[in-house]
Amino acid sequence: MATFPSPESAEAAFYAAFQAGDAQGMREIWHDSAECVCIHPGGERLQGTDIILESWDDILPGMRGVIVHRTQVTAIPGEDLVLHVLRENLYVQGERRGVMLATNGYRHDGESWRMVLHHASPDPEPTPEWPTGGVH
């Protein structure tokens, strides 16, 4: 099983698995615990690693090709529990298709940082997307 030396490395692996539609990669990230919680946009509260991973098995095949650009990341530090609050800018074929507000939680299990929380919901007022061309 993969180990993650920091919450940031676990988060990078989470979004890499998300974008690649990689169910096995997603399994490497989540802590194996009945206390884990995941709330997908518009979804119900899922608790426990098994049910959370089943939900990702359903979601991930449709995520291939989606790029998630994280912005406005705020880290709330702690000794063995760290929270990240951020915006997930979702791009398909180079066009931004949505913005989610997300909270991710990571716990240190004695060997590695693992995800214990993912909660995402649509941003009601996404910031405008800046053009990719020059400023003039």
Protein backbone atom coordinates (compact mmCIF):
# COMPACT_ATOMS: atom_id res chain seq x y z
CA MET A 1 0.00 0.00 0.00
CA ALA A 2 1.16 3.51 -0.82
CA THR A 3 2.32 5.80 1.95
CA PHE A 4 1.90 9.55 1.99
CA PRO A 5 4.42 11.56 4.04
CA SER A 6 2.19 14.66 4.21
CA PRO A 7 -1.45 15.66 3.86
CA GLU A 8 -0.45 17.50 0.68
CA SER A 9 0.95 14.31 -0.89
CA ALA A 10 -2.24 12.42 0.02
CA GLU A 11 -4.30 15.21 -1.52
CA ALA A 12 -2.21 15.20 -4.70
CA ALA A 13 -2.77 11.42 -4.97
CA PHE A 14 -6.51 11.88 -4.36
CA TYR A 15 -6.87 14.34 -7.24
CA ALA A 16 -4.59 12.27 -9.49
CA ALA A 17 -6.82 9.22 -8.91
CA PHE A 18 -9.94 11.38 -9.37
CA GLN A 19 -8.73 12.75 -12.75
CA ALA A 20 -7.47 9.39 -14.00
CA GLY A 21 -10.64 7.53 -12.99
CA ASP A 22 -8.36 5.26 -10.97
CA ALA A 23 -10.39 3.23 -8.44
CA GLN A 24 -7.33 1.39 -7.13
CA GLY A 25 -5.50 4.66 -6.62
CA MET A 26 -8.51 5.96 -4.70
CA ARG A 27 -8.39 2.88 -2.45
CA GLU A 28 -4.77 3.68 -1.56
CA ILE A 29 -5.69 7.10 -0.20
CA TRP A 30 -8.66 6.47 2.09
CA HIS A 31 -8.16 5.45 5.71
CA ASP A 32 -9.86 2.13 6.48
CA SER A 33 -12.34 3.22 9.13
CA ALA A 34 -16.03 3.30 9.95
CA GLU A 35 -15.49 6.96 10.88
CA CYS A 36 -14.62 8.16 7.35
CA VAL A 37 -17.21 10.43 5.74
CA CYS A 38 -17.81 11.46 2.14
CA ILE A 39 -20.51 13.74 0.77
CA HIS A 40 -20.54 14.09 -3.00
CA PRO A 41 -22.18 17.16 -4.60
CA GLY A 42 -25.93 16.79 -4.19
CA GLY A 43 -25.47 13.44 -2.48
CA GLU A 44 -26.18 11.95 0.87
CA ARG A 45 -23.70 11.45 3.70
CA LEU A 46 -21.72 8.25 3.20
CA GLN A 47 -19.95 6.85 6.25
CA GLY A 48 -17.42 4.03 6.34
CA THR A 49 -14.66 3.26 3.89
CA ASP A 50 -16.44 0.39 2.11
CA ILE A 51 -19.51 2.41 1.13
CA ILE A 52 -17.37 5.43 0.23
CA LEU A 53 -15.19 3.37 -2.10
CA GLU A 54 -18.28 1.81 -3.70
CA SER A 55 -19.48 5.33 -4.50
CA TRP A 56 -16.12 6.17 -6.09
CA ASP A 57 -16.33 2.96 -8.14
CA ASP A 58 -19.53 4.39 -9.65
CA ILE A 59 -18.20 7.93 -10.14
CA LEU A 60 -14.65 7.45 -11.37
CA PRO A 61 -15.27 5.92 -14.81
CA GLY A 62 -17.06 9.13 -15.80
CA MET A 63 -14.24 11.35 -14.55
CA ARG A 64 -11.59 10.36 -17.10
CA GLY A 65 -10.60 13.49 -18.96
CA VAL A 66 -11.82 15.87 -16.26
CA ILE A 67 -9.06 18.11 -14.95
CA VAL A 68 -9.39 19.51 -11.44
CA HIS A 69 -7.52 22.75 -10.83
CA ARG A 70 -7.42 23.50 -7.10
CA THR A 71 -7.50 27.12 -5.98
CA GLN A 72 -7.84 29.05 -2.75
CA VAL A 73 -6.50 26.16 -0.66
CA THR A 74 -6.63 26.90 3.05
CA ALA A 75 -4.91 24.40 5.34
CA ILE A 76 -6.06 24.02 8.91
CA PRO A 77 -3.11 22.28 10.57
CA GLY A 78 -3.05 19.79 13.39
CA GLU A 79 -0.80 17.08 14.77
CA ASP A 80 -2.63 14.06 13.39
CA LEU A 81 -5.66 15.63 11.67
CA VAL A 82 -5.40 18.29 8.94
CA LEU A 83 -8.22 19.93 6.99
CA HIS A 84 -7.98 21.51 3.55
CA VAL A 85 -10.72 23.86 2.36
CA LEU A 86 -10.54 24.72 -1.34
CA ARG A 87 -12.20 25.32 -4.67
CA GLU A 88 -12.22 22.54 -7.26
CA ASN A 89 -12.35 24.09 -10.75
CA LEU A 90 -13.52 21.31 -13.09
CA TYR A 91 -12.35 21.46 -16.70
CA VAL A 92 -13.41 19.30 -19.64
CA GLN A 93 -11.53 19.75 -22.92
CA GLY A 94 -10.00 22.95 -21.60
CA GLU A 95 -13.33 24.57 -20.68
CA ARG A 96 -14.34 25.16 -17.09
CA ARG A 97 -17.57 23.24 -16.51
CA GLY A 98 -18.08 23.76 -12.81
CA VAL A 99 -16.67 24.88 -9.49
CA MET A 100 -17.06 22.92 -6.27
CA LEU A 101 -16.34 24.03 -2.73
CA ALA A 102 -14.56 21.15 -1.00
CA THR A 103 -13.32 20.18 2.42
CA ASN A 104 -10.81 17.34 2.65
CA GLY A 105 -9.63 15.83 5.91
CA TYR A 106 -6.47 13.78 6.45
CA ARG A 107 -5.46 11.77 9.50
CA HIS A 108 -2.04 10.34 10.28
CA ASP A 109 -2.42 6.63 11.01
CA GLY A 110 1.05 6.19 12.50
CA GLU A 111 2.63 5.35 9.14
CA SER A 112 0.98 7.56 6.56
CA TRP A 113 -1.49 10.38 6.01
CA ARG A 114 -4.86 9.06 4.78
CA MET A 115 -8.08 10.74 3.72
CA VAL A 116 -10.90 10.58 6.27
CA LEU A 117 -13.23 13.26 4.85
CA HIS A 118 -14.27 14.60 1.46
CA HIS A 119 -17.23 16.95 1.20
CA ALA A 120 -17.96 18.85 -2.01
CA SER A 121 -20.84 21.06 -3.06
CA PRO A 122 -21.42 23.44 -5.98
CA ASP A 123 -20.03 26.93 -5.55
CA PRO A 124 -23.08 29.23 -5.68
CA GLU A 125 -20.96 32.16 -6.88
CA PRO A 126 -17.91 30.89 -8.77
CA THR A 127 -15.26 33.48 -9.53
CA PRO A 128 -15.06 34.45 -13.20
CA GLU A 129 -12.64 32.48 -15.29
CA TRP A 130 -9.89 34.64 -16.67
CA PRO A 131 -9.09 34.34 -20.37
CA THR A 132 -6.01 32.29 -21.14
CA GLY A 133 -4.69 34.83 -23.69
CA GLY A 134 -2.70 37.97 -23.07
CA VAL A 135 -3.95 40.85 -20.96
CA HIS A 136 -4.08 43.27 -23.94
